C-alpha atoms as a PDB file:
ATOM      1  CA  UNK A   1      89.378  74.698  96.671  1.00  0.00           C
ATOM      2  CA  UNK A   2      89.890  77.887  94.125  1.00  0.00           C
ATOM      3  CA  UNK A   3      91.264  77.872  91.202  1.00  0.00           C
ATOM      4  CA  UNK A   4      91.999  80.399  88.324  1.00  0.00           C
ATOM      5  CA  UNK A   5      90.531  79.776  84.827  1.00  0.00           C
ATOM      6  CA  UNK A   6      93.859  81.267  82.890  1.00  0.00           C
ATOM      7  CA  UNK A   7      96.265  79.388  85.519  1.00  0.00           C
ATOM      8  CA  UNK A   8      94.026  76.467  84.192  1.00  0.00           C
ATOM      9  CA  UNK A   9      94.572  77.626  80.133  1.00  0.00           C
ATOM     10  CA  UNK A  10      98.294  77.757  80.895  1.00  0.00           C
ATOM     11  CA  UNK A  11      98.165  74.050  80.844  1.00  0.00           C
ATOM     12  CA  UNK A  12      95.191  73.154  78.580  1.00  0.00           C
ATOM     13  CA  UNK A  13      94.318  75.217  75.978  1.00  0.00           C
ATOM     14  CA  UNK A  14      90.106  75.827  76.247  1.00  0.00           C
ATOM     15  CA  UNK A  15      88.251  79.025  75.551  1.00  0.00           C
ATOM     16  CA  UNK A  16      84.357  77.792  77.580  1.00  0.00           C
ATOM     17  CA  UNK A  17      81.686  80.014  79.439  1.00  0.00           C
ATOM     18  CA  UNK A  18      81.697  79.548  82.913  1.00  0.00           C
ATOM     19  CA  UNK A  19      78.216  77.605  82.457  1.00  0.00           C
ATOM     20  CA  UNK A  20      80.390  75.297  80.169  1.00  0.00           C
ATOM     21  CA  UNK A  21      82.763  74.913  83.029  1.00  0.00           C
ATOM     22  CA  UNK A  22      80.206  73.820  85.567  1.00  0.00           C
ATOM     23  CA  UNK A  23      79.223  71.540  83.601  1.00  0.00           C
ATOM     24  CA  UNK A  24      82.797  69.735  82.321  1.00  0.00           C
ATOM     25  CA  UNK A  25      83.816  70.549  86.120  1.00  0.00           C
ATOM     26  CA  UNK A  26      80.133  68.559  87.432  1.00  0.00           C
ATOM     27  CA  UNK A  27      80.618  65.689  84.629  1.00  0.00           C
ATOM     28  CA  UNK A  28      84.669  64.774  85.688  1.00  0.00           C
ATOM     29  CA  UNK A  29      83.734  64.748  89.603  1.00  0.00           C
ATOM     30  CA  UNK A  30      84.393  68.048  90.450  1.00  0.00           C
ATOM     31  CA  UNK A  31      81.279  69.515  92.038  1.00  0.00           C
ATOM     32  CA  UNK A  32      81.806  73.546  91.575  1.00  0.00           C
ATOM     33  CA  UNK A  33      80.648  75.267  94.455  1.00  0.00           C
ATOM     34  CA  UNK A  34      80.567  78.619  92.402  1.00  0.00           C
ATOM     35  CA  UNK A  35      82.267  80.681  90.153  1.00  0.00           C
ATOM     36  CA  UNK A  36      82.936  84.162  90.477  1.00  0.00           C
ATOM     37  CA  UNK A  37      84.925  86.987  88.228  1.00  0.00           C
ATOM     38  CA  UNK A  38      87.850  88.585  89.682  1.00  0.00           C
ATOM     39  CA  UNK A  39      89.677  91.349  88.548  1.00  0.00           C
ATOM     40  CA  UNK A  40      93.391  92.121  90.334  1.00  0.00           C
ATOM     41  CA  UNK A  41      91.427  95.864  90.977  1.00  0.00           C
ATOM     42  CA  UNK A  42      88.278  95.943  92.221  1.00  0.00           C
ATOM     43  CA  UNK A  43      86.544  97.334  89.535  1.00  0.00           C
ATOM     44  CA  UNK A  44      88.917  97.074  86.849  1.00  0.00           C
ATOM     45  CA  UNK A  45      90.063 101.026  86.582  1.00  0.00           C
ATOM     46  CA  UNK A  46      87.137 101.541  84.613  1.00  0.00           C
ATOM     47  CA  UNK A  47      86.752 105.028  83.585  1.00  0.00           C
ATOM     48  CA  UNK A  48      89.690 106.235  84.857  1.00  0.00           C
ATOM     49  CA  UNK A  49      91.921 107.593  82.026  1.00  0.00           C
ATOM     50  CA  UNK A  50      96.009 109.004  82.042  1.00  0.00           C
ATOM     51  CA  UNK A  51      95.888 112.763  81.426  1.00  0.00           C
ATOM     52  CA  UNK A  52      98.225 115.533  81.598  1.00  0.00           C
ATOM     53  CA  UNK A  53      97.838 118.597  83.780  1.00  0.00           C
ATOM     54  CA  UNK A  54      98.554 121.394  81.735  1.00  0.00           C
ATOM     55  CA  UNK A  55      97.875 124.089  84.033  1.00  0.00           C
ATOM     56  CA  UNK A  56      97.763 124.682  87.666  1.00  0.00           C
ATOM     57  CA  UNK A  57      96.885 127.157  90.044  1.00  0.00           C
ATOM     58  CA  UNK A  58      96.140 127.754  93.445  1.00  0.00           C
ATOM     59  CA  UNK A  59      92.432 128.260  94.707  1.00  0.00           C
ATOM     60  CA  UNK A  60      91.302 131.825  95.074  1.00  0.00           C
ATOM     61  CA  UNK A  61      88.964 130.787  97.843  1.00  0.00           C
ATOM     62  CA  UNK A  62      91.520 128.202  99.759  1.00  0.00           C
ATOM     63  CA  UNK A  63      94.860 127.695 101.387  1.00  0.00           C
ATOM     64  CA  UNK A  64      95.140 124.287 100.239  1.00  0.00           C
ATOM     65  CA  UNK A  65      92.904 123.688  96.894  1.00  0.00           C
ATOM     66  CA  UNK A  66      94.269 123.827  93.337  1.00  0.00           C
ATOM     67  CA  UNK A  67      92.362 124.369  89.992  1.00  0.00           C
ATOM     68  CA  UNK A  68      93.964 122.477  87.377  1.00  0.00           C
ATOM     69  CA  UNK A  69      93.164 122.275  84.085  1.00  0.00           C
ATOM     70  CA  UNK A  70      94.318 118.655  82.988  1.00  0.00           C
ATOM     71  CA  UNK A  71      94.295 117.034  79.093  1.00  0.00           C
ATOM     72  CA  UNK A  72      92.530 113.454  79.211  1.00  0.00           C
ATOM     73  CA  UNK A  73      92.910 112.790  75.398  1.00  0.00           C
ATOM     74  CA  UNK A  74      89.186 114.164  74.473  1.00  0.00           C
ATOM     75  CA  UNK A  75      88.186 117.691  72.940  1.00  0.00           C
ATOM     76  CA  UNK A  76      88.563 119.873  75.827  1.00  0.00           C
ATOM     77  CA  UNK A  77      90.624 120.050  78.822  1.00  0.00           C
ATOM     78  CA  UNK A  78      88.818 119.041  82.092  1.00  0.00           C
ATOM     79  CA  UNK A  79      88.900 121.437  85.212  1.00  0.00           C
ATOM     80  CA  UNK A  80      90.124 119.945  88.374  1.00  0.00           C
ATOM     81  CA  UNK A  81      90.252 121.058  91.771  1.00  0.00           C
ATOM     82  CA  UNK A  82      92.345 119.057  93.512  1.00  0.00           C
ATOM     83  CA  UNK A  83      93.925 119.302  97.208  1.00  0.00           C
ATOM     84  CA  UNK A  84      97.322 117.213  96.768  1.00  0.00           C
ATOM     85  CA  UNK A  85     100.437 119.258  97.686  1.00  0.00           C
ATOM     86  CA  UNK A  86     102.234 118.034  94.940  1.00  0.00           C
ATOM     87  CA  UNK A  87     100.305 118.597  92.280  1.00  0.00           C
ATOM     88  CA  UNK A  88     102.338 120.712  89.158  1.00  0.00           C
ATOM     89  CA  UNK A  89     101.718 121.848  85.770  1.00  0.00           C
ATOM     90  CA  UNK A  90     103.432 119.439  83.292  1.00  0.00           C
ATOM     91  CA  UNK A  91     102.721 116.290  85.607  1.00  0.00           C
ATOM     92  CA  UNK A  92     101.107 112.835  83.962  1.00  0.00           C
ATOM     93  CA  UNK A  93      98.567 111.448  86.335  1.00  0.00           C
ATOM     94  CA  UNK A  94      95.733 109.084  86.529  1.00  0.00           C
ATOM     95  CA  UNK A  95      92.221 110.899  86.601  1.00  0.00           C
ATOM     96  CA  UNK A  96      89.046 109.434  87.437  1.00  0.00           C
ATOM     97  CA  UNK A  97      86.299 111.138  84.738  1.00  0.00           C
ATOM     98  CA  UNK A  98      82.830 112.380  86.199  1.00  0.00           C
ATOM     99  CA  UNK A  99      80.870 108.958  85.779  1.00  0.00           C
ATOM    100  CA  UNK A 100      83.594 106.513  87.421  1.00  0.00           C
ATOM    101  CA  UNK A 101      82.677 104.219  90.344  1.00  0.00           C
ATOM    102  CA  UNK A 102      85.381 104.344  92.835  1.00  0.00           C
ATOM    103  CA  UNK A 103      85.852 101.553  95.616  1.00  0.00           C
ATOM    104  CA  UNK A 104      86.979 101.440  99.493  1.00  0.00           C
ATOM    105  CA  UNK A 105      86.821  98.337 100.574  1.00  0.00           C
ATOM    106  CA  UNK A 106      82.864  97.488 100.548  1.00  0.00           C
ATOM    107  CA  UNK A 107      82.274 100.737 100.106  1.00  0.00           C
ATOM    108  CA  UNK A 108      81.779 102.980  96.688  1.00  0.00           C
ATOM    109  CA  UNK A 109      81.249 106.513  95.652  1.00  0.00           C
ATOM    110  CA  UNK A 110      80.336 108.072  91.878  1.00  0.00           C
ATOM    111  CA  UNK A 111      82.855 110.821  90.731  1.00  0.00           C
ATOM    112  CA  UNK A 112      80.232 113.926  89.805  1.00  0.00           C
ATOM    113  CA  UNK A 113      80.791 117.290  88.485  1.00  0.00           C
ATOM    114  CA  UNK A 114      80.758 119.419  90.979  1.00  0.00           C
ATOM    115  CA  UNK A 115      82.204 123.156  92.551  1.00  0.00           C
ATOM    116  CA  UNK A 116      84.283 123.232  95.350  1.00  0.00           C
ATOM    117  CA  UNK A 117      84.703 126.987  96.966  1.00  0.00           C
ATOM    118  CA  UNK A 118      82.859 127.798  94.017  1.00  0.00           C
ATOM    119  CA  UNK A 119      85.147 126.500  91.484  1.00  0.00           C
ATOM    120  CA  UNK A 120      83.641 123.899  88.582  1.00  0.00           C
ATOM    121  CA  UNK A 121      85.536 120.176  88.911  1.00  0.00           C
ATOM    122  CA  UNK A 122      85.144 117.905  86.430  1.00  0.00           C
ATOM    123  CA  UNK A 123      86.950 114.753  87.518  1.00  0.00           C
ATOM    124  CA  UNK A 124      89.567 113.471  90.340  1.00  0.00           C
ATOM    125  CA  UNK A 125      93.371 113.451  90.091  1.00  0.00           C
ATOM    126  CA  UNK A 126      93.982 110.495  92.279  1.00  0.00           C
ATOM    127  CA  UNK A 127      96.542 108.705  94.865  1.00  0.00           C
ATOM    128  CA  UNK A 128      97.281 105.209  94.546  1.00  0.00           C
ATOM    129  CA  UNK A 129      95.341 104.019  97.578  1.00  0.00           C
ATOM    130  CA  UNK A 130      92.525 105.602  95.819  1.00  0.00           C
ATOM    131  CA  UNK A 131      92.007 103.308  93.107  1.00  0.00           C
ATOM    132  CA  UNK A 132      93.503 100.465  95.236  1.00  0.00           C
ATOM    133  CA  UNK A 133      97.015 100.284  93.373  1.00  0.00           C
ATOM    134  CA  UNK A 134      98.806 100.480  96.890  1.00  0.00           C
ATOM    135  CA  UNK A 135      98.611 102.350 100.268  1.00  0.00           C
ATOM    136  CA  UNK A 136     100.043 105.360 100.185  1.00  0.00           C
ATOM    137  CA  UNK A 137      98.333 108.662 100.853  1.00  0.00           C
ATOM    138  CA  UNK A 138     101.158 111.151 100.554  1.00  0.00           C
ATOM    139  CA  UNK A 139     100.100 112.863  97.206  1.00  0.00           C
ATOM    140  CA  UNK A 140      98.709 112.187  93.886  1.00  0.00           C
ATOM    141  CA  UNK A 141     100.375 109.251  91.428  1.00  0.00           C
ATOM    142  CA  UNK A 142     103.102 111.070  89.073  1.00  0.00           C
ATOM    143  CA  UNK A 143     103.769 108.879  85.770  1.00  0.00           C
ATOM    144  CA  UNK A 144     106.715 108.839  83.910  1.00  0.00           C
ATOM    145  CA  UNK A 145     106.751 111.220  81.447  1.00  0.00           C
ATOM    146  CA  UNK A 146     106.303 108.874  78.597  1.00  0.00           C
ATOM    147  CA  UNK A 147     102.848 107.881  79.771  1.00  0.00           C
ATOM    148  CA  UNK A 148     100.651 108.340  76.934  1.00  0.00           C
ATOM    149  CA  UNK A 149      97.656 110.924  77.403  1.00  0.00           C
ATOM    150  CA  UNK A 150      94.256 109.166  76.845  1.00  0.00           C
ATOM    151  CA  UNK A 151      95.189 105.522  77.613  1.00  0.00           C
ATOM    152  CA  UNK A 152      92.505 103.676  79.603  1.00  0.00           C
ATOM    153  CA  UNK A 153      93.861 103.206  83.167  1.00  0.00           C
ATOM    154  CA  UNK A 154      92.851  99.534  82.900  1.00  0.00           C
ATOM    155  CA  UNK A 155      95.493  99.289  79.969  1.00  0.00           C
ATOM    156  CA  UNK A 156      98.125 101.118  81.379  1.00  0.00           C
ATOM    157  CA  UNK A 157      98.203  99.527  84.926  1.00  0.00           C
ATOM    158  CA  UNK A 158      97.556  95.570  82.671  1.00  0.00           C
ATOM    159  CA  UNK A 159      95.086  94.667  85.042  1.00  0.00           C
ATOM    160  CA  UNK A 160      93.816  91.099  84.766  1.00  0.00           C
ATOM    161  CA  UNK A 161      89.948  89.974  84.439  1.00  0.00           C
ATOM    162  CA  UNK A 162      89.782  86.181  85.112  1.00  0.00           C
ATOM    163  CA  UNK A 163      87.251  83.458  87.040  1.00  0.00           C
ATOM    164  CA  UNK A 164      87.705  82.325  89.911  1.00  0.00           C
ATOM    165  CA  UNK A 165      85.993  78.633  90.280  1.00  0.00           C
ATOM    166  CA  UNK A 166      85.339  77.367  93.852  1.00  0.00           C
ATOM    167  CA  UNK A 167      85.839  73.369  93.534  1.00  0.00           C
ATOM    168  CA  UNK A 168      83.869  71.297  96.803  1.00  0.00           C
ATOM    169  CA  UNK A 169      86.286  68.771  96.757  1.00  0.00           C
ATOM    170  CA  UNK A 170      85.778  65.210  98.270  1.00  0.00           C
ATOM    171  CA  UNK A 171      88.490  63.290 100.073  1.00  0.00           C
ATOM    172  CA  UNK A 172      88.364  60.713  96.947  1.00  0.00           C
ATOM    173  CA  UNK A 173      89.126  63.304  94.723  1.00  0.00           C
ATOM    174  CA  UNK A 174      92.372  64.217  95.714  1.00  0.00           C
ATOM    175  CA  UNK A 175      94.085  64.176  92.515  1.00  0.00           C
ATOM    176  CA  UNK A 176      91.911  67.191  91.608  1.00  0.00           C
ATOM    177  CA  UNK A 177      93.398  69.670  94.075  1.00  0.00           C
ATOM    178  CA  UNK A 178      95.348  71.515  92.300  1.00  0.00           C
ATOM    179  CA  UNK A 179      94.972  73.438  88.685  1.00  0.00           C
ATOM    180  CA  UNK A 180      97.778  70.720  86.811  1.00  0.00           C
ATOM    181  CA  UNK A 181      95.002  67.709  88.068  1.00  0.00           C
ATOM    182  CA  UNK A 182      92.184  69.783  87.090  1.00  0.00           C
ATOM    183  CA  UNK A 183      93.226  70.833  83.390  1.00  0.00           C
ATOM    184  CA  UNK A 184      94.345  67.273  83.509  1.00  0.00           C
ATOM    185  CA  UNK A 185      91.104  65.724  84.254  1.00  0.00           C
ATOM    186  CA  UNK A 186      89.764  68.204  81.535  1.00  0.00           C
ATOM    187  CA  UNK A 187      91.620  66.997  79.305  1.00  0.00           C
ATOM    188  CA  UNK A 188      90.926  63.577  79.549  1.00  0.00           C
ATOM    189  CA  UNK A 189      87.586  64.089  79.387  1.00  0.00           C
ATOM    190  CA  UNK A 190      87.482  66.116  76.211  1.00  0.00           C
ATOM    191  CA  UNK A 191      89.314  63.947  74.187  1.00  0.00           C
ATOM    192  CA  UNK A 192      86.691  62.025  74.055  1.00  0.00           C
ATOM    193  CA  UNK A 193      85.156  64.725  71.701  1.00  0.00           C
ATOM    194  CA  UNK A 194      87.925  66.337  69.671  1.00  0.00           C
ATOM    195  CA  UNK A 195      92.135  66.345  70.338  1.00  0.00           C
ATOM    196  CA  UNK A 196      93.670  69.010  72.916  1.00  0.00           C
ATOM    197  CA  UNK A 197      96.108  69.564  74.163  1.00  0.00           C
ATOM    198  CA  UNK A 198      97.591  69.503  77.778  1.00  0.00           C
ATOM    199  CA  UNK A 199     100.930  71.095  78.610  1.00  0.00           C
ATOM    200  CA  UNK A 200     102.697  69.875  81.896  1.00  0.00           C
ATOM    201  CA  UNK A 201     104.949  72.455  83.329  1.00  0.00           C
ATOM    202  CA  UNK A 202     108.681  72.335  82.130  1.00  0.00           C
ATOM    203  CA  UNK A 203     110.987  70.620  84.961  1.00  0.00           C
ATOM    204  CA  UNK A 204     114.184  70.850  82.989  1.00  0.00           C
ATOM    205  CA  UNK A 205     115.886  73.306  85.016  1.00  0.00           C
ATOM    206  CA  UNK A 206     115.073  71.812  88.341  1.00  0.00           C
ATOM    207  CA  UNK A 207     117.977  69.396  89.013  1.00  0.00           C
ATOM    208  CA  UNK A 208     118.527  66.985  92.114  1.00  0.00           C
ATOM    209  CA  UNK A 209     122.093  66.702  94.081  1.00  0.00           C
ATOM    210  CA  UNK A 210     122.135  64.700  96.801  1.00  0.00           C
ATOM    211  CA  UNK A 211     126.109  64.620  97.180  1.00  0.00           C
ATOM    212  CA  UNK A 212     125.598  68.097  99.028  1.00  0.00           C
ATOM    213  CA  UNK A 213     122.887  68.129 101.533  1.00  0.00           C
ATOM    214  CA  UNK A 214     123.054  70.995 103.795  1.00  0.00           C
ATOM    215  CA  UNK A 215     120.201  69.626 106.662  1.00  0.00           C
ATOM    216  CA  UNK A 216     120.950  66.624 108.508  1.00  0.00           C
ATOM    217  CA  UNK A 217     118.041  64.306 108.405  1.00  0.00           C
ATOM    218  CA  UNK A 218     117.770  61.172 111.248  1.00  0.00           C
ATOM    219  CA  UNK A 219     115.339  58.559 111.186  1.00  0.00           C
ATOM    220  CA  UNK A 220     114.952  57.712 114.473  1.00  0.00           C
ATOM    221  CA  UNK A 221     112.464  54.899 114.350  1.00  0.00           C
ATOM    222  CA  UNK A 222     112.860  52.850 111.172  1.00  0.00           C
ATOM    223  CA  UNK A 223     109.811  50.444 111.815  1.00  0.00           C
ATOM    224  CA  UNK A 224     107.405  53.463 112.165  1.00  0.00           C
ATOM    225  CA  UNK A 225     108.921  55.117 108.788  1.00  0.00           C
ATOM    226  CA  UNK A 226     110.519  53.146 106.751  1.00  0.00           C
ATOM    227  CA  UNK A 227     111.506  55.520 104.246  1.00  0.00           C
ATOM    228  CA  UNK A 228     111.659  59.550 104.374  1.00  0.00           C
ATOM    229  CA  UNK A 229     112.063  61.669 101.587  1.00  0.00           C
ATOM    230  CA  UNK A 230     113.185  65.538 101.180  1.00  0.00           C
ATOM    231  CA  UNK A 231     114.270  68.541  99.375  1.00  0.00           C
ATOM    232  CA  UNK A 232     116.245  71.451  99.919  1.00  0.00           C
ATOM    233  CA  UNK A 233     116.312  74.294  98.196  1.00  0.00           C
ATOM    234  CA  UNK A 234     119.005  77.095  97.936  1.00  0.00           C
ATOM    235  CA  UNK A 235     119.597  80.157  96.247  1.00  0.00           C
ATOM    236  CA  UNK A 236     116.209  81.522  96.969  1.00  0.00           C
ATOM    237  CA  UNK A 237     115.923  85.080  96.611  1.00  0.00           C
ATOM    238  CA  UNK A 238     113.173  86.682  99.565  1.00  0.00           C
ATOM    239  CA  UNK A 239     111.674  89.449  97.233  1.00  0.00           C
ATOM    240  CA  UNK A 240     108.702  90.707  96.139  1.00  0.00           C
ATOM    241  CA  UNK A 241     106.222  88.735  93.962  1.00  0.00           C
ATOM    242  CA  UNK A 242     106.469  89.952  90.100  1.00  0.00           C
ATOM    243  CA  UNK A 243     102.885  91.087  89.374  1.00  0.00           C
ATOM    244  CA  UNK A 244     101.740  88.291  87.343  1.00  0.00           C
ATOM    245  CA  UNK A 245     102.046  85.998  90.571  1.00  0.00           C
ATOM    246  CA  UNK A 246     100.903  88.687  92.800  1.00  0.00           C
ATOM    247  CA  UNK A 247      97.398  88.592  90.843  1.00  0.00           C
ATOM    248  CA  UNK A 248      97.166  84.655  90.451  1.00  0.00           C
ATOM    249  CA  UNK A 249      97.494  84.718  94.260  1.00  0.00           C
ATOM    250  CA  UNK A 250      94.918  87.216  94.579  1.00  0.00           C
ATOM    251  CA  UNK A 251      92.366  85.070  92.465  1.00  0.00           C
ATOM    252  CA  UNK A 252      92.740  82.251  94.072  1.00  0.00           C
ATOM    253  CA  UNK A 253      91.914  83.921  97.921  1.00  0.00           C
ATOM    254  CA  UNK A 254      95.902  84.052  98.518  1.00  0.00           C
ATOM    255  CA  UNK A 255      97.354  87.572  99.960  1.00  0.00           C
ATOM    256  CA  UNK A 256     100.735  87.672  98.081  1.00  0.00           C
END
């Protein structure tokens, strides 16, 4: 079972290193199979920055490339050759500066200072699929006008860092097969040493109405099933999960 360290901290106020987490969980009988660093986008968008395209002209030696100058908040504008058809002056964009590592699945490549058809290029203006923020590749990402030049892309897109803890559960420890269960056990262990706050999830807005069950339930063999309990959840909206929930699901190996 995988649990998210950030998710765990919703229920218990702790601030431990991976090594300390490993030791505590092992002490309470939840054997740790491994602890891995998780980022909601691979590479964490390190080296990428918000920029503004100041000038955009056609490349003299190409019918599809553009020569741009881009302000990324430094002392000088960066010359960048861009092949996207939708690039234009005045746009706020995401720029991979020289030295940035970009990922394509398990492979990676480094942005280098280069010449494209004889023109200097000091970076790359990115499409969303090139930096792990989507699947679209019909052009570069164009950001809202209020995006601040020089802002690290990691901050702008709120990229999350987390620890994914793999717990090797045994059949007799099913009580620990959840974030709440693990948090409860850790709190009980730590209370021997100091006061610690354990917060249960709020359920005050969850109300049960037994008088209007739209699904008929029939127990055909009451000897084999002495009791059957169920709940019907209504007014569920099927829509894309919010970003914070998608990140938590990704951290524990699930696809939102």
